[in-house]
Protein backbone atom coordinates (compact mmCIF):
# COMPACT_ATOMS: atom_id res chain seq x y z
CA MET A 1 -95.81 43.15 117.64
CA ARG A 2 -94.56 39.81 118.86
CA ARG A 3 -91.52 38.08 117.46
CA LEU A 4 -91.65 34.86 115.47
CA THR A 5 -90.40 31.64 116.94
CA ILE A 6 -87.74 29.77 115.00
CA TRP A 7 -90.32 27.17 113.95
CA GLN A 8 -92.71 29.78 112.60
CA ALA A 9 -89.93 31.45 110.64
CA LEU A 10 -88.82 28.08 109.28
CA ALA A 11 -92.38 27.22 108.24
CA ILE A 12 -92.83 30.49 106.39
CA SER A 13 -89.48 30.32 104.59
CA SER A 14 -89.97 26.69 103.55
CA GLN A 15 -93.44 27.52 102.27
CA PHE A 16 -91.89 30.17 100.00
CA GLY A 17 -89.44 27.68 98.53
CA ILE A 18 -91.99 24.94 98.03
CA LEU A 19 -94.51 27.35 96.51
CA LEU A 20 -92.06 28.74 93.96
CA ALA A 21 -90.62 25.34 93.03
CA ALA A 22 -94.06 23.77 92.62
CA SER A 23 -95.27 26.67 90.48
CA VAL A 24 -92.29 26.45 88.15
CA LEU A 25 -92.60 22.66 87.87
CA VAL A 26 -96.31 22.87 87.08
CA GLY A 27 -95.65 25.56 84.48
CA PHE A 28 -92.87 23.49 82.94
CA GLY A 29 -95.14 20.44 82.89
CA LEU A 30 -97.87 22.38 81.14
CA GLY A 31 -95.29 23.64 78.65
CA TRP A 32 -94.21 20.06 78.01
CA LEU A 33 -97.84 19.07 77.47
CA VAL A 34 -98.39 21.91 75.02
CA ASP A 35 -95.24 20.88 73.15
CA LYS A 36 -96.38 17.26 72.92
CA LEU A 37 -99.85 18.23 71.71
CA THR A 38 -98.85 20.94 69.25
CA GLY A 39 -95.19 20.31 68.46
CA VAL A 40 -94.17 23.98 68.88
CA GLY A 41 -90.80 23.06 70.37
CA ALA A 42 -88.81 24.17 73.37
CA ILE A 43 -90.42 27.61 73.45
CA ALA A 44 -93.41 25.99 75.18
CA TYR A 45 -91.12 24.83 78.02
CA PHE A 46 -89.73 28.32 78.43
CA VAL A 47 -93.12 30.03 78.34
CA GLY A 48 -94.60 27.50 80.75
CA ALA A 49 -91.75 27.80 83.24
CA THR A 50 -91.83 31.60 83.01
CA LEU A 51 -95.57 31.71 83.61
CA GLY A 52 -95.11 29.31 86.51
CA MET A 53 -92.47 31.58 88.01
CA VAL A 54 -94.73 34.62 87.65
CA ALA A 55 -97.59 32.71 89.28
CA GLY A 56 -95.29 31.61 92.10
CA VAL A 57 -94.09 35.14 92.81
CA TYR A 58 -97.69 36.38 92.75
CA SER A 59 -98.67 33.69 95.24
CA MET A 60 -95.75 34.60 97.49
CA VAL A 61 -96.79 38.26 97.48
CA LYS A 62 -100.32 37.24 98.48
CA LEU A 63 -98.91 35.04 101.24
CA VAL A 64 -96.79 37.88 102.62
CA ARG A 65 -99.77 40.24 102.60
CA VAL A 66 -101.89 37.76 104.57
CA PHE A 67 -99.05 37.17 107.00
CA LEU A 68 -98.52 40.89 107.59
CA GLN A 69 -102.24 41.51 108.07
CA ARG A 70 -102.46 38.80 110.71
CA ARG A 71 -99.45 40.16 112.58
CA GLY A 72 -101.08 43.59 112.67
C-alpha cells in the first residue's frame, strides 16, 4: 500500500469539508423554502439542516469506501 502525497491528503480532507458544508447549506435552504411556502416556522430550518447533515455524512462514508477500495 503506497502512502499519500501531501496534495492527495489535502484534496481528500478539503473534499470532506466542502461536502459537509454544502450539504448542510442545501438542507438549510430547502428548510427555508419550506418555511416560506408553508409558514411552519423555524422547525423547517432545523429539520432541513439536520437532513443535510445526515446526507453529508452519508456521502462522506461513500467517499471513504470508494477511496479505500481504490487503494486496495
